[in-house]
């Protein structure tokens, strides 16, 4: 029997075409022989194309392992990553690519066992090159079976991710360093805030003593002037000067009190002494004391009161809240009407202070209760911007709420609700 090609030297990788070879040997049909020869040639070309494709891949190490884990093939990428020539590594166990520690704990065998059981195993880890250097590898091991499902070996695809690993490590270290710097900075800021609060507390107490003494001396001088006969030429001027001095001292005292309250709030030691009283009566008393200021600011005070709004609160602190709100209305809305309302709701006492001033910009509404924030941008209005901050904290410590309704050019209405 004659054949157009010699198939006596079939390569092991061409075992898939061997049945065709044996069929050629058993037949004398020339057309069939020609067809089978063409099929063998096509399979051979397909295998060659695949081999060339694998060998030209340099970004991945792609090679085969036999069932025992010995290297059975080697591509250009494997040579590039691991440093071995094909004739140096083929037939050697793939545990050569692992560290001594991995070999001792039998990690290569574990990988093959997992690929055997799960058909596929994937991980990232350190691998060893021929020269002993390490690289971070992404590894995929896949079980390879024959047509009957019997194990032929394993395919192994490895990618060098060392640069990615190093970048990730550098990024992690940078984040850790940044976090440490933030923690240190936070501690510094906390220490600075604590020092500031301690300074405010000490300074406020130290200022309080001479102010109290000065106010007492001014008041005594006022009483002495009042005893002088009206005919005294200097009585009128001295009385006016003393009155101005008392107002300025009262203003300074108010600022110092605000600083003290801020310090107490920050330290959590703002004390309350609750007692039952009528909220409306308290508001009436406060408005009576504001008569002169209302007159000087050309403001008209309007009221709308419920006669009985009784509850249990700290009277001096609620007075402080109402005084702050009325003072703001007079400062920011001179020459206008101010409406003060009290009423009793289901479980709350309510106080409203509404003015017809410039109002508050929407972008500033959320910040007006912050420390050192001014209600509006009026340049001729004094103060430290602490009044509303203190007011809100007092209301909240009574389990109450304060909010504002406002729009530019339409005035502002502050609403305080206090649980009865």
Protein backbone atom coordinates (compact mmCIF):
# COMPACT_ATOMS: atom_id res chain seq x y z
CA UNK A 1 0.00 0.00 0.00
CA UNK A 2 1.39 3.43 -0.97
CA UNK A 3 0.84 6.77 0.82
CA UNK A 4 1.44 10.28 -0.47
CA UNK A 5 3.11 11.25 2.88
CA UNK A 6 5.21 9.51 5.48
CA UNK A 7 3.31 9.40 8.80
CA UNK A 8 5.76 7.18 10.61
CA UNK A 9 7.28 10.07 12.60
CA UNK A 10 4.18 11.63 14.16
CA UNK A 11 5.00 14.08 17.01
CA UNK A 12 3.44 13.41 20.43
CA UNK A 13 1.48 16.65 20.15
CA UNK A 14 -0.18 15.22 17.00
CA UNK A 15 -1.66 12.22 18.74
CA UNK A 16 -5.12 13.56 17.91
CA UNK A 17 -4.50 12.80 14.23
CA UNK A 18 -3.03 9.31 14.79
CA UNK A 19 -6.43 7.58 14.43
CA UNK A 20 -6.61 9.16 10.98
CA UNK A 21 -3.14 7.72 10.23
CA UNK A 22 -4.23 4.24 11.20
CA UNK A 23 -7.36 4.58 9.05
CA UNK A 24 -5.08 5.46 6.10
CA UNK A 25 -3.10 2.30 6.68
CA UNK A 26 -6.29 0.20 6.61
CA UNK A 27 -7.79 1.50 3.38
CA UNK A 28 -6.93 1.49 -0.33
CA UNK A 29 -9.55 4.10 -1.34
CA UNK A 30 -7.50 6.83 -3.02
CA UNK A 31 -10.18 9.55 -2.58
CA UNK A 32 -10.53 8.74 1.08
CA UNK A 33 -6.76 8.76 1.48
CA UNK A 34 -6.55 12.15 -0.18
CA UNK A 35 -9.31 13.55 2.04
CA UNK A 36 -7.70 12.23 5.18
CA UNK A 37 -4.30 13.56 4.13
CA UNK A 38 -5.85 17.03 3.71
CA UNK A 39 -7.44 16.74 7.15
CA UNK A 40 -4.10 15.81 8.72
CA UNK A 41 -2.42 18.75 7.00
CA UNK A 42 -5.09 21.15 8.28
CA UNK A 43 -4.78 19.86 11.83
CA UNK A 44 -1.00 20.17 11.62
CA UNK A 45 -1.26 23.78 10.40
CA UNK A 46 -3.80 24.59 13.15
CA UNK A 47 -1.48 23.16 15.78
CA UNK A 48 1.44 25.10 14.36
CA UNK A 49 -0.53 28.35 14.37
CA UNK A 50 -1.52 27.79 18.00
CA UNK A 51 2.09 26.99 18.94
CA UNK A 52 3.35 30.14 17.20
CA UNK A 53 0.65 32.25 18.87
CA UNK A 54 1.54 30.97 22.34
CA UNK A 55 5.27 31.38 21.75
CA UNK A 56 4.91 34.98 20.57
CA UNK A 57 3.00 36.06 23.70
CA UNK A 58 5.53 37.86 25.90
CA UNK A 59 3.24 39.48 28.50
CA UNK A 60 2.09 36.11 29.88
CA UNK A 61 3.93 32.95 30.81
CA UNK A 62 1.89 30.16 29.18
CA UNK A 63 3.05 26.58 29.62
CA UNK A 64 1.85 23.06 30.28
CA UNK A 65 2.44 20.81 33.27
CA UNK A 66 2.08 17.05 33.23
CA UNK A 67 -0.09 15.29 35.79
CA UNK A 68 2.80 15.28 38.31
CA UNK A 69 3.49 19.03 37.94
CA UNK A 70 6.54 18.79 35.69
CA UNK A 71 6.95 21.46 33.00
CA UNK A 72 5.97 20.03 29.59
CA UNK A 73 6.10 23.18 27.40
CA UNK A 74 7.59 26.69 27.61
CA UNK A 75 6.78 29.93 25.79
CA UNK A 76 8.66 33.21 25.27
CA UNK A 77 6.69 34.95 28.04
CA UNK A 78 7.68 32.23 30.51
CA UNK A 79 11.31 32.65 29.53
CA UNK A 80 11.04 36.43 29.96
CA UNK A 81 9.36 36.28 33.38
CA UNK A 82 11.21 33.42 34.98
CA UNK A 83 14.59 33.51 33.21
CA UNK A 84 14.79 29.84 32.21
CA UNK A 85 15.48 28.57 28.70
CA UNK A 86 13.15 25.80 27.53
CA UNK A 87 15.84 23.10 27.70
CA UNK A 88 16.68 24.19 31.27
CA UNK A 89 13.19 23.83 32.68
CA UNK A 90 11.19 21.32 30.65
CA UNK A 91 10.93 18.13 32.70
CA UNK A 92 11.60 19.99 36.00
CA UNK A 93 8.94 20.35 38.69
CA UNK A 94 7.18 23.72 38.72
CA UNK A 95 7.91 24.10 42.47
CA UNK A 96 11.18 25.69 41.32
CA UNK A 97 9.18 28.90 40.86
CA UNK A 98 8.16 29.06 44.55
CA UNK A 99 9.90 30.33 47.67
CA UNK A 100 11.49 27.95 50.13
CA UNK A 101 8.67 28.64 52.60
CA UNK A 102 5.99 27.82 50.00
CA UNK A 103 7.74 24.61 49.05
CA UNK A 104 8.09 23.54 52.71
CA UNK A 105 4.38 24.03 53.30
CA UNK A 106 3.67 22.16 50.03
CA UNK A 107 1.80 25.04 48.44
CA UNK A 108 2.56 23.97 44.82
CA UNK A 109 0.96 20.57 45.51
CA UNK A 110 -2.01 22.36 47.08
CA UNK A 111 -2.52 24.41 43.92
CA UNK A 112 -2.53 21.31 41.70
CA UNK A 113 -4.90 19.54 44.07
CA UNK A 114 -7.33 22.47 43.98
CA UNK A 115 -7.13 22.62 40.16
CA UNK A 116 -7.71 18.86 40.06
CA UNK A 117 -10.80 19.09 42.27
CA UNK A 118 -12.26 22.40 41.05
CA UNK A 119 -10.93 22.27 37.44
CA UNK A 120 -9.37 25.70 38.00
CA UNK A 121 -7.25 27.47 40.62
CA UNK A 122 -6.38 31.18 40.72
CA UNK A 123 -4.29 33.30 43.10
CA UNK A 124 -1.80 36.13 43.40
CA UNK A 125 1.50 35.72 45.21
CA UNK A 126 5.26 35.99 45.14
CA UNK A 127 7.18 33.77 42.70
CA UNK A 128 10.94 33.20 42.24
CA UNK A 129 12.96 33.78 39.06
CA UNK A 130 16.00 31.78 38.03
CA UNK A 131 18.31 34.48 39.47
CA UNK A 132 16.52 34.30 42.84
CA UNK A 133 14.65 37.61 42.57
CA UNK A 134 10.97 37.76 43.36
CA UNK A 135 8.05 39.01 41.29
CA UNK A 136 4.36 39.35 42.12
CA UNK A 137 2.41 36.95 39.94
CA UNK A 138 -1.21 36.44 38.97
CA UNK A 139 -1.55 32.69 38.41
CA UNK A 140 -4.29 30.60 36.80
CA UNK A 141 -3.93 26.79 36.73
CA UNK A 142 -6.49 24.84 34.69
CA UNK A 143 -7.01 21.09 34.55
CA UNK A 144 -6.65 19.59 31.06
CA UNK A 145 -8.53 16.35 30.25
CA UNK A 146 -8.58 14.07 27.23
CA UNK A 147 -11.75 13.34 25.26
CA UNK A 148 -12.75 10.71 27.84
CA UNK A 149 -12.26 13.04 30.83
CA UNK A 150 -9.00 11.52 31.96
CA UNK A 151 -6.33 13.88 33.31
CA UNK A 152 -3.63 14.83 30.82
CA UNK A 153 -2.03 17.58 32.85
CA UNK A 154 -2.49 21.28 33.62
CA UNK A 155 -2.19 24.56 31.75
CA UNK A 156 -0.60 27.39 33.68
CA UNK A 157 -0.90 31.08 32.81
CA UNK A 158 1.17 33.57 34.81
CA UNK A 159 1.24 37.36 34.60
CA UNK A 160 3.83 39.65 36.18
CA UNK A 161 2.00 42.23 38.33
CA UNK A 162 5.05 43.43 40.28
CA UNK A 163 4.70 47.04 39.11
CA UNK A 164 1.02 47.09 40.00
CA UNK A 165 1.81 45.55 43.39
CA UNK A 166 4.54 48.11 44.06
CA UNK A 167 2.25 50.98 43.07
CA UNK A 168 -0.49 49.63 45.33
CA UNK A 169 2.00 49.27 48.18
CA UNK A 170 3.29 52.81 47.68
CA UNK A 171 -0.30 54.07 47.62
CA UNK A 172 -1.07 52.16 50.83
CA UNK A 173 1.99 53.60 52.55
CA UNK A 174 1.05 57.08 51.32
CA UNK A 175 -2.46 56.65 52.76
CA UNK A 176 -1.05 55.39 56.07
CA UNK A 177 1.33 58.34 56.21
CA UNK A 178 -1.50 60.74 55.39
CA UNK A 179 -3.70 59.15 58.05
CA UNK A 180 -0.93 59.52 60.65
CA UNK A 181 -0.44 63.15 59.67
CA UNK A 182 -4.19 63.77 59.94
CA UNK A 183 -4.26 62.14 63.37
CA UNK A 184 -1.33 64.25 64.55
CA UNK A 185 -2.92 67.37 63.07
CA UNK A 186 -6.22 66.50 64.72
CA UNK A 187 -4.50 66.11 68.08
CA UNK A 188 -2.77 69.45 67.59
CA UNK A 189 -6.07 71.11 66.71
CA UNK A 190 -7.82 69.52 69.69
CA UNK A 191 -5.02 70.74 71.95
CA UNK A 192 -5.24 74.21 70.41
CA UNK A 193 -9.03 74.29 70.87
CA UNK A 194 -8.66 73.15 74.46
CA UNK A 195 -6.04 75.84 75.10
CA UNK A 196 -8.29 78.44 73.46
CA UNK A 197 -11.29 77.43 75.58
CA UNK A 198 -9.15 77.52 78.72
CA UNK A 199 -7.89 80.96 77.72
CA UNK A 200 -11.43 82.21 77.10
CA UNK A 201 -12.54 80.90 80.47
CA UNK A 202 -9.62 82.45 82.35
CA UNK A 203 -9.73 85.73 80.42
CA UNK A 204 -13.49 86.04 80.89
CA UNK A 205 -13.24 85.54 84.63
CA UNK A 206 -10.34 87.98 84.88
CA UNK A 207 -12.25 90.61 82.86
CA UNK A 208 -15.41 90.06 84.85
CA UNK A 209 -13.89 91.24 88.14
CA UNK A 210 -12.72 94.74 87.07
CA UNK A 211 -15.87 95.27 84.99
CA UNK A 212 -18.06 94.51 87.98
CA UNK A 213 -16.05 96.93 90.10
CA UNK A 214 -16.18 99.62 87.39
CA UNK A 215 -19.92 99.22 86.97
CA UNK A 216 -20.43 99.55 90.73
CA UNK A 217 -18.36 102.76 90.85
CA UNK A 218 -20.31 104.26 87.95
CA UNK A 219 -23.62 103.43 89.60
CA UNK A 220 -22.48 104.97 92.89
CA UNK A 221 -21.38 108.08 90.99
CA UNK A 222 -24.80 108.28 89.34
CA UNK A 223 -26.51 108.18 92.72
CA UNK A 224 -24.21 110.92 94.07
CA UNK A 225 -24.91 113.12 91.03
CA UNK A 226 -28.65 112.63 91.47
CA UNK A 227 -28.33 114.14 94.99
CA UNK A 228 -26.76 117.31 93.63
CA UNK A 229 -29.15 120.27 93.22
CA UNK A 230 -30.56 120.73 89.74
CA UNK A 231 -28.91 124.15 89.61
CA UNK A 232 -25.45 122.55 89.56
CA UNK A 233 -23.88 123.48 86.18
CA UNK A 234 -22.06 120.21 85.77
CA UNK A 235 -24.81 117.84 86.91
CA UNK A 236 -26.42 117.41 83.50
CA UNK A 237 -23.13 116.71 81.68
CA UNK A 238 -21.86 114.33 84.35
CA UNK A 239 -25.16 112.44 84.42
CA UNK A 240 -25.04 112.00 80.64
CA UNK A 241 -21.40 110.82 80.72
CA UNK A 242 -22.07 108.40 83.54
CA UNK A 243 -25.09 107.00 81.70
CA UNK A 244 -22.94 106.37 78.60
CA UNK A 245 -20.28 104.75 80.79
CA UNK A 246 -22.82 102.41 82.40
CA UNK A 247 -24.17 101.37 78.97
CA UNK A 248 -20.66 100.63 77.68
CA UNK A 249 -19.82 98.63 80.80
CA UNK A 250 -23.08 96.69 80.39
CA UNK A 251 -22.12 95.99 76.78
CA UNK A 252 -18.65 94.76 77.79
CA UNK A 253 -20.19 92.67 80.56
CA UNK A 254 -22.52 91.07 78.01
CA UNK A 255 -19.58 90.17 75.75
CA UNK A 256 -17.65 88.68 78.65
CA UNK A 257 -20.73 86.69 79.73
CA UNK A 258 -21.03 85.34 76.19
CA UNK A 259 -17.40 84.23 76.22
CA UNK A 260 -17.92 82.54 79.57
CA UNK A 261 -21.02 80.74 78.29
CA UNK A 262 -19.20 79.53 75.18
CA UNK A 263 -16.43 78.18 77.40
CA UNK A 264 -18.98 76.42 79.64
CA UNK A 265 -20.81 74.97 76.63
CA UNK A 266 -17.57 73.61 75.18
CA UNK A 267 -16.66 72.06 78.52
CA UNK A 268 -20.19 70.71 79.05
CA UNK A 269 -20.64 72.54 82.37
CA UNK A 270 -23.45 74.98 81.50
CA UNK A 271 -25.68 74.69 84.57
CA UNK A 272 -29.49 74.86 84.71
CA UNK A 273 -31.82 75.49 87.65
CA UNK A 274 -35.36 74.81 86.47
CA UNK A 275 -38.44 76.32 88.05
CA UNK A 276 -42.03 76.82 86.97
CA UNK A 277 -42.94 80.30 85.65
CA UNK A 278 -45.14 82.05 83.11
CA UNK A 279 -43.27 82.62 79.85
CA UNK A 280 -45.51 85.51 78.85
CA UNK A 281 -44.83 87.39 82.11
CA UNK A 282 -41.08 86.99 81.59
CA UNK A 283 -41.31 88.38 78.05
CA UNK A 284 -43.34 91.37 79.30
CA UNK A 285 -40.69 92.14 81.94
CA UNK A 286 -37.91 91.99 79.37
CA UNK A 287 -39.73 94.28 76.93
CA UNK A 288 -40.22 96.83 79.69
CA UNK A 289 -36.44 96.95 80.19
CA UNK A 290 -35.92 97.49 76.45
CA UNK A 291 -38.03 100.68 76.30
CA UNK A 292 -35.09 103.05 76.08
CA UNK A 293 -33.28 100.95 73.46
CA UNK A 294 -36.45 100.69 71.36
CA UNK A 295 -36.86 104.46 71.55
CA UNK A 296 -33.25 105.11 70.52
CA UNK A 297 -33.57 102.67 67.59
CA UNK A 298 -36.93 104.18 66.55
CA UNK A 299 -38.49 100.72 66.69
CA UNK A 300 -42.20 100.08 67.36
CA UNK A 301 -42.80 97.04 69.54
CA UNK A 302 -45.95 95.03 68.80
CA UNK A 303 -47.04 92.11 70.98
CA UNK A 304 -49.42 89.19 70.71
CA UNK A 305 -49.52 87.21 73.96
CA UNK A 306 -51.29 84.19 75.39
CA UNK A 307 -51.84 85.09 79.04
CA UNK A 308 -50.86 81.67 80.44
CA UNK A 309 -47.82 79.88 78.99
CA UNK A 310 -46.50 78.08 82.06
CA UNK A 311 -43.66 75.60 82.01
CA UNK A 312 -40.62 74.45 83.95
CA UNK A 313 -37.39 75.96 82.61
CA UNK A 314 -34.25 77.77 83.76
CA UNK A 315 -35.61 81.29 84.05
CA UNK A 316 -32.31 83.17 83.72
CA UNK A 317 -31.27 81.14 80.67
CA UNK A 318 -34.63 81.55 78.90
CA UNK A 319 -34.37 85.26 79.67
CA UNK A 320 -30.96 85.20 77.99
CA UNK A 321 -32.54 83.59 74.89
CA UNK A 322 -35.30 86.20 74.62
CA UNK A 323 -32.91 89.11 75.28
CA UNK A 324 -30.59 87.86 72.51
CA UNK A 325 -33.44 87.61 69.99
CA UNK A 326 -34.89 91.04 70.81
CA UNK A 327 -31.44 92.65 70.82
CA UNK A 328 -30.76 91.21 67.36
CA UNK A 329 -34.09 92.48 66.05
CA UNK A 330 -33.32 96.01 67.33
CA UNK A 331 -29.74 95.95 65.97
CA UNK A 332 -30.56 94.65 62.51
CA UNK A 333 -33.95 96.27 61.93
CA UNK A 334 -33.82 99.84 63.37
CA UNK A 335 -36.73 102.09 62.51
CA UNK A 336 -39.15 99.19 61.88
CA UNK A 337 -41.88 97.28 63.68
CA UNK A 338 -40.94 94.27 65.79
CA UNK A 339 -43.58 91.69 66.66
CA UNK A 340 -43.12 89.48 69.74
CA UNK A 341 -45.54 86.59 70.19
CA UNK A 342 -46.07 84.02 72.94
CA UNK A 343 -48.47 81.11 72.76
CA UNK A 344 -49.12 77.68 74.19
CA UNK A 345 -49.17 74.68 71.90
CA UNK A 346 -50.09 71.09 72.80
CA UNK A 347 -46.90 70.32 74.71
CA UNK A 348 -44.73 73.39 74.15
CA UNK A 349 -44.40 77.04 74.99
CA UNK A 350 -43.60 79.16 71.94
CA UNK A 351 -41.87 82.53 71.62
CA UNK A 352 -41.57 84.29 68.25
CA UNK A 353 -39.56 87.44 67.50
CA UNK A 354 -40.20 88.85 64.01
CA UNK A 355 -38.55 91.94 62.52
CA UNK A 356 -38.83 93.80 59.21
CA UNK A 357 -35.10 94.12 58.62
CA UNK A 358 -32.94 93.08 55.66
CA UNK A 359 -33.50 89.36 56.22
CA UNK A 360 -30.89 86.65 55.78
CA UNK A 361 -29.43 85.28 52.56
CA UNK A 362 -30.47 81.63 51.94
CA UNK A 363 -26.81 80.57 51.74
CA UNK A 364 -26.22 81.89 55.29
CA UNK A 365 -29.30 80.47 57.01
CA UNK A 366 -27.55 77.18 57.83
CA UNK A 367 -24.60 78.95 59.50
CA UNK A 368 -26.22 81.70 61.55
CA UNK A 369 -26.23 79.52 64.67
CA UNK A 370 -22.49 78.82 64.39
CA UNK A 371 -19.94 80.50 66.63
CA UNK A 372 -18.62 83.91 65.56
CA UNK A 373 -21.21 84.18 62.77
CA UNK A 374 -23.09 87.42 62.22
CA UNK A 375 -26.79 87.39 61.33
CA UNK A 376 -26.26 89.83 58.49
CA UNK A 377 -23.44 91.77 56.90
CA UNK A 378 -24.36 95.12 58.45
CA UNK A 379 -21.01 96.75 59.21
CA UNK A 380 -22.19 99.09 61.97
CA UNK A 381 -23.50 96.28 64.18
CA UNK A 382 -21.24 95.19 67.03
CA UNK A 383 -20.88 91.88 68.82
CA UNK A 384 -18.82 88.72 68.60
CA UNK A 385 -21.38 86.65 66.72
CA UNK A 386 -21.95 84.36 69.72
CA UNK A 387 -25.51 85.27 70.69
CA UNK A 388 -27.36 82.88 68.38
CA UNK A 389 -24.86 80.08 69.03
CA UNK A 390 -25.49 80.37 72.79
CA UNK A 391 -29.22 80.79 72.24
CA UNK A 392 -29.47 77.58 70.24
CA UNK A 393 -27.47 75.58 72.78
CA UNK A 394 -29.63 76.82 75.66
CA UNK A 395 -32.82 75.89 73.77
CA UNK A 396 -31.45 72.46 72.81
CA UNK A 397 -30.34 71.75 76.38
CA UNK A 398 -33.99 72.36 77.32
CA UNK A 399 -34.89 69.70 74.69
CA UNK A 400 -36.38 72.50 72.61
CA UNK A 401 -35.93 73.72 69.06
CA UNK A 402 -35.18 77.05 67.41
CA UNK A 403 -35.52 77.85 63.74
CA UNK A 404 -35.74 80.91 61.51
CA UNK A 405 -38.07 81.90 58.69
CA UNK A 406 -36.54 84.55 56.46
CA UNK A 407 -35.89 85.81 52.97
CA UNK A 408 -33.78 88.74 51.71
CA UNK A 409 -35.58 92.06 52.18
CA UNK A 410 -38.48 90.45 54.04
CA UNK A 411 -37.15 90.40 57.59
CA UNK A 412 -36.60 87.41 59.84
CA UNK A 413 -38.74 85.50 62.31
CA UNK A 414 -37.05 83.41 65.02
CA UNK A 415 -39.28 80.71 66.55
CA UNK A 416 -38.41 79.04 69.85
CA UNK A 417 -40.31 75.96 71.05
CA UNK A 418 -39.75 74.77 74.63
CA UNK A 419 -41.32 71.58 76.03
CA UNK A 420 -43.64 72.47 78.90
